[in-house]
């Protein structure tokens, strides 16, 4: 995959109405709220990304 496209993940299991990202001590956290007002999150630690795993 070209560039950093291999880091992309698409979540289409529900209808998201709000999304945002925050950084905490160098770690990125992605947050989303679905149409049922449930919060979903994932932690993205890009510092641990291994360039050899392409």
PDB file of N, CA and C in Angstrom:
ATOM      1  N   UNK A   1       0.831  -1.180   0.000  1.00  0.00           N
ATOM      2  CA  UNK A   1       0.000   0.000   0.000  1.00  0.00           C
ATOM      3  C   UNK A   1       0.878   1.248   0.000  1.00  0.00           C
ATOM      4  N   UNK A   2       0.481   2.237  -0.745  1.00  0.00           N
ATOM      5  CA  UNK A   2       1.301   3.443  -0.802  1.00  0.00           C
ATOM      6  C   UNK A   2       1.218   4.277   0.470  1.00  0.00           C
ATOM      7  N   UNK A   3       2.350   4.889   0.832  1.00  0.00           N
ATOM      8  CA  UNK A   3       2.375   5.810   1.969  1.00  0.00           C
ATOM      9  C   UNK A   3       1.882   5.195   3.257  1.00  0.00           C
ATOM     10  N   UNK A   4       1.050   5.938   3.944  1.00  0.00           N
ATOM     11  CA  UNK A   4       0.512   5.475   5.221  1.00  0.00           C
ATOM     12  C   UNK A   4      -0.921   4.988   5.088  1.00  0.00           C
ATOM     13  N   UNK A   5      -1.340   4.645   3.894  1.00  0.00           N
ATOM     14  CA  UNK A   5      -2.701   4.181   3.670  1.00  0.00           C
ATOM     15  C   UNK A   5      -2.994   2.894   4.447  1.00  0.00           C
ATOM     16  N   UNK A   6      -1.960   2.098   4.747  1.00  0.00           N
ATOM     17  CA  UNK A   6      -2.162   0.862   5.495  1.00  0.00           C
ATOM     18  C   UNK A   6      -2.581   1.140   6.936  1.00  0.00           C
ATOM     19  N   UNK A   7      -2.523   2.405   7.375  1.00  0.00           N
ATOM     20  CA  UNK A   7      -2.962   2.765   8.721  1.00  0.00           C
ATOM     21  C   UNK A   7      -4.451   3.120   8.765  1.00  0.00           C
ATOM     22  N   UNK A   8      -5.112   3.151   7.630  1.00  0.00           N
ATOM     23  CA  UNK A   8      -6.508   3.537   7.532  1.00  0.00           C
ATOM     24  C   UNK A   8      -7.415   2.365   7.876  1.00  0.00           C
ATOM     25  N   UNK A   9      -8.411   2.614   8.726  1.00  0.00           N
ATOM     26  CA  UNK A   9      -9.413   1.609   9.037  1.00  0.00           C
ATOM     27  C   UNK A   9     -10.773   2.269   8.945  1.00  0.00           C
ATOM     28  N   UNK A  10     -11.708   1.637   8.270  1.00  0.00           N
ATOM     29  CA  UNK A  10     -13.049   2.177   8.081  1.00  0.00           C
ATOM     30  C   UNK A  10     -14.019   1.419   8.985  1.00  0.00           C
ATOM     31  N   UNK A  11     -14.777   2.185   9.754  1.00  0.00           N
ATOM     32  CA  UNK A  11     -15.789   1.601  10.632  1.00  0.00           C
ATOM     33  C   UNK A  11     -17.161   1.907  10.036  1.00  0.00           C
ATOM     34  N   UNK A  12     -17.830   0.912   9.513  1.00  0.00           N
ATOM     35  CA  UNK A  12     -19.143   1.125   8.901  1.00  0.00           C
ATOM     36  C   UNK A  12     -20.204   0.239   9.540  1.00  0.00           C
ATOM     37  N   UNK A  13     -19.934  -0.209  10.768  1.00  0.00           N
ATOM     38  CA  UNK A  13     -20.859  -1.109  11.444  1.00  0.00           C
ATOM     39  C   UNK A  13     -22.058  -0.387  12.057  1.00  0.00           C
ATOM     40  N   UNK A  14     -21.999   0.940  12.142  1.00  0.00           N
ATOM     41  CA  UNK A  14     -23.104   1.733  12.688  1.00  0.00           C
ATOM     42  C   UNK A  14     -23.038   3.130  12.103  1.00  0.00           C
ATOM     43  N   UNK A  15     -24.060   3.899  12.368  1.00  0.00           N
ATOM     44  CA  UNK A  15     -24.127   5.255  11.840  1.00  0.00           C
ATOM     45  C   UNK A  15     -23.565   6.231  12.864  1.00  0.00           C
ATOM     46  N   UNK A  16     -22.395   6.803  12.560  1.00  0.00           N
ATOM     47  CA  UNK A  16     -21.754   7.745  13.477  1.00  0.00           C
ATOM     48  C   UNK A  16     -22.216   9.167  13.164  1.00  0.00           C
ATOM     49  N   UNK A  17     -22.523   9.933  14.210  1.00  0.00           N
ATOM     50  CA  UNK A  17     -22.989  11.297  14.011  1.00  0.00           C
ATOM     51  C   UNK A  17     -21.973  12.341  14.473  1.00  0.00           C
ATOM     52  N   UNK A  18     -21.080  11.985  15.384  1.00  0.00           N
ATOM     53  CA  UNK A  18     -20.038  12.897  15.856  1.00  0.00           C
ATOM     54  C   UNK A  18     -18.719  12.140  15.965  1.00  0.00           C
ATOM     55  N   UNK A  19     -17.640  12.756  15.504  1.00  0.00           N
ATOM     56  CA  UNK A  19     -16.314  12.166  15.640  1.00  0.00           C
ATOM     57  C   UNK A  19     -15.326  13.249  16.053  1.00  0.00           C
ATOM     58  N   UNK A  20     -14.270  12.841  16.745  1.00  0.00           N
ATOM     59  CA  UNK A  20     -13.195  13.751  17.102  1.00  0.00           C
ATOM     60  C   UNK A  20     -11.959  12.949  17.472  1.00  0.00           C
ATOM     61  N   UNK A  21     -10.829  13.608  17.515  1.00  0.00           N
ATOM     62  CA  UNK A  21      -9.601  12.990  17.997  1.00  0.00           C
ATOM     63  C   UNK A  21      -8.976  13.905  19.028  1.00  0.00           C
ATOM     64  N   UNK A  22      -8.291  13.300  19.992  1.00  0.00           N
ATOM     65  CA  UNK A  22      -7.552  14.047  21.013  1.00  0.00           C
ATOM     66  C   UNK A  22      -6.187  13.394  21.167  1.00  0.00           C
ATOM     67  N   UNK A  23      -5.231  14.174  21.662  1.00  0.00           N
ATOM     68  CA  UNK A  23      -3.907  13.630  21.958  1.00  0.00           C
ATOM     69  C   UNK A  23      -3.667  13.748  23.445  1.00  0.00           C
ATOM     70  N   UNK A  24      -3.163  12.671  24.036  1.00  0.00           N
ATOM     71  CA  UNK A  24      -2.848  12.652  25.460  1.00  0.00           C
ATOM     72  C   UNK A  24      -1.472  12.038  25.636  1.00  0.00           C
ATOM     73  N   UNK A  25      -0.524  12.817  26.087  1.00  0.00           N
ATOM     74  CA  UNK A  25       0.848  12.374  26.311  1.00  0.00           C
ATOM     75  C   UNK A  25       1.421  11.670  25.084  1.00  0.00           C
ATOM     76  N   UNK A  26       1.163  12.240  23.899  1.00  0.00           N
ATOM     77  CA  UNK A  26       1.719  11.703  22.666  1.00  0.00           C
ATOM     78  C   UNK A  26       0.920  10.592  22.014  1.00  0.00           C
ATOM     79  N   UNK A  27      -0.161  10.164  22.620  1.00  0.00           N
ATOM     80  CA  UNK A  27      -0.990   9.102  22.065  1.00  0.00           C
ATOM     81  C   UNK A  27      -2.289   9.708  21.545  1.00  0.00           C
ATOM     82  N   UNK A  28      -2.692   9.331  20.334  1.00  0.00           N
ATOM     83  CA  UNK A  28      -3.917   9.829  19.731  1.00  0.00           C
ATOM     84  C   UNK A  28      -5.071   8.896  20.081  1.00  0.00           C
ATOM     85  N   UNK A  29      -6.186   9.497  20.508  1.00  0.00           N
ATOM     86  CA  UNK A  29      -7.405   8.754  20.822  1.00  0.00           C
ATOM     87  C   UNK A  29      -8.502   9.259  19.892  1.00  0.00           C
ATOM     88  N   UNK A  30      -9.136   8.355  19.159  1.00  0.00           N
ATOM     89  CA  UNK A  30     -10.248   8.702  18.277  1.00  0.00           C
ATOM     90  C   UNK A  30     -11.545   8.335  18.986  1.00  0.00           C
ATOM     91  N   UNK A  31     -12.473   9.293  19.030  1.00  0.00           N
ATOM     92  CA  UNK A  31     -13.759   9.097  19.692  1.00  0.00           C
ATOM     93  C   UNK A  31     -14.890   9.321  18.698  1.00  0.00           C
ATOM     94  N   UNK A  32     -15.967   8.567  18.868  1.00  0.00           N
ATOM     95  CA  UNK A  32     -17.135   8.741  18.001  1.00  0.00           C
ATOM     96  C   UNK A  32     -18.395   8.461  18.807  1.00  0.00           C
ATOM     97  N   UNK A  33     -19.481   9.145  18.428  1.00  0.00           N
ATOM     98  CA  UNK A  33     -20.793   8.881  19.020  1.00  0.00           C
ATOM     99  C   UNK A  33     -21.713   8.429  17.895  1.00  0.00           C
ATOM    100  N   UNK A  34     -22.418   7.324  18.132  1.00  0.00           N
ATOM    101  CA  UNK A  34     -23.319   6.825  17.096  1.00  0.00           C
ATOM    102  C   UNK A  34     -24.709   7.428  17.259  1.00  0.00           C
ATOM    103  N   UNK A  35     -25.613   7.028  16.378  1.00  0.00           N
ATOM    104  CA  UNK A  35     -26.964   7.594  16.397  1.00  0.00           C
ATOM    105  C   UNK A  35     -27.798   7.121  17.588  1.00  0.00           C
ATOM    106  N   UNK A  36     -27.276   6.183  18.364  1.00  0.00           N
ATOM    107  CA  UNK A  36     -27.947   5.723  19.591  1.00  0.00           C
ATOM    108  C   UNK A  36     -27.306   6.336  20.842  1.00  0.00           C
ATOM    109  N   UNK A  37     -26.451   7.323  20.661  1.00  0.00           N
ATOM    110  CA  UNK A  37     -25.745   8.052  21.720  1.00  0.00           C
ATOM    111  C   UNK A  37     -24.710   7.189  22.439  1.00  0.00           C
ATOM    112  N   UNK A  38     -24.235   6.132  21.809  1.00  0.00           N
ATOM    113  CA  UNK A  38     -23.176   5.301  22.390  1.00  0.00           C
ATOM    114  C   UNK A  38     -21.829   5.847  21.961  1.00  0.00           C
ATOM    115  N   UNK A  39     -20.886   5.878  22.901  1.00  0.00           N
ATOM    116  CA  UNK A  39     -19.531   6.328  22.603  1.00  0.00           C
ATOM    117  C   UNK A  39     -18.655   5.143  22.253  1.00  0.00           C
ATOM    118  N   UNK A  40     -17.833   5.325  21.252  1.00  0.00           N
ATOM    119  CA  UNK A  40     -16.897   4.310  20.801  1.00  0.00           C
ATOM    120  C   UNK A  40     -15.536   4.992  20.700  1.00  0.00           C
ATOM    121  N   UNK A  41     -14.471   4.282  21.077  1.00  0.00           N
ATOM    122  CA  UNK A  41     -13.146   4.893  20.986  1.00  0.00           C
ATOM    123  C   UNK A  41     -12.116   3.864  20.572  1.00  0.00           C
ATOM    124  N   UNK A  42     -11.010   4.371  20.068  1.00  0.00           N
ATOM    125  CA  UNK A  42      -9.864   3.536  19.775  1.00  0.00           C
ATOM    126  C   UNK A  42      -8.607   4.349  20.066  1.00  0.00           C
ATOM    127  N   UNK A  43      -7.576   3.684  20.542  1.00  0.00           N
ATOM    128  CA  UNK A  43      -6.316   4.335  20.888  1.00  0.00           C
ATOM    129  C   UNK A  43      -5.319   4.057  19.775  1.00  0.00           C
ATOM    130  N   UNK A  44      -4.735   5.110  19.243  1.00  0.00           N
ATOM    131  CA  UNK A  44      -3.792   4.998  18.140  1.00  0.00           C
ATOM    132  C   UNK A  44      -2.405   5.392  18.635  1.00  0.00           C
ATOM    133  N   UNK A  45      -1.552   4.440  18.798  1.00  0.00           N
ATOM    134  CA  UNK A  45      -0.194   4.735  19.261  1.00  0.00           C
ATOM    135  C   UNK A  45       0.747   4.613  18.075  1.00  0.00           C
ATOM    136  N   UNK A  46       0.840   5.685  17.308  1.00  0.00           N
ATOM    137  CA  UNK A  46       1.650   5.661  16.097  1.00  0.00           C
ATOM    138  C   UNK A  46       3.135   5.600  16.386  1.00  0.00           C
ATOM    139  N   UNK A  47       3.552   5.909  17.605  1.00  0.00           N
ATOM    140  CA  UNK A  47       4.963   5.810  17.974  1.00  0.00           C
ATOM    141  C   UNK A  47       5.420   4.352  17.955  1.00  0.00           C
ATOM    142  N   UNK A  48       4.508   3.438  18.118  1.00  0.00           N
ATOM    143  CA  UNK A  48       4.844   2.011  18.119  1.00  0.00           C
ATOM    144  C   UNK A  48       4.714   1.385  16.739  1.00  0.00           C
ATOM    145  N   UNK A  49       4.341   2.179  15.738  1.00  0.00           N
ATOM    146  CA  UNK A  49       4.174   1.676  14.384  1.00  0.00           C
ATOM    147  C   UNK A  49       5.505   1.169  13.856  1.00  0.00           C
ATOM    148  N   UNK A  50       5.490  -0.034  13.329  1.00  0.00           N
ATOM    149  CA  UNK A  50       6.703  -0.668  12.808  1.00  0.00           C
ATOM    150  C   UNK A  50       6.728  -0.523  11.290  1.00  0.00           C
ATOM    151  N   UNK A  51       7.657   0.237  10.767  1.00  0.00           N
ATOM    152  CA  UNK A  51       7.763   0.448   9.332  1.00  0.00           C
ATOM    153  C   UNK A  51       8.020  -0.855   8.568  1.00  0.00           C
ATOM    154  N   UNK A  52       8.582  -1.864   9.212  1.00  0.00           N
ATOM    155  CA  UNK A  52       8.900  -3.126   8.545  1.00  0.00           C
ATOM    156  C   UNK A  52       7.672  -3.979   8.289  1.00  0.00           C
ATOM    157  N   UNK A  53       6.508  -3.640   8.904  1.00  0.00           N
ATOM    158  CA  UNK A  53       5.314  -4.487   8.782  1.00  0.00           C
ATOM    159  C   UNK A  53       4.536  -4.211   7.498  1.00  0.00           C
ATOM    160  N   UNK A  54       5.069  -3.430   6.587  1.00  0.00           N
ATOM    161  CA  UNK A  54       4.362  -3.128   5.330  1.00  0.00           C
ATOM    162  C   UNK A  54       4.260  -4.302   4.447  1.00  0.00           C
TER     163      UNK A  54
END
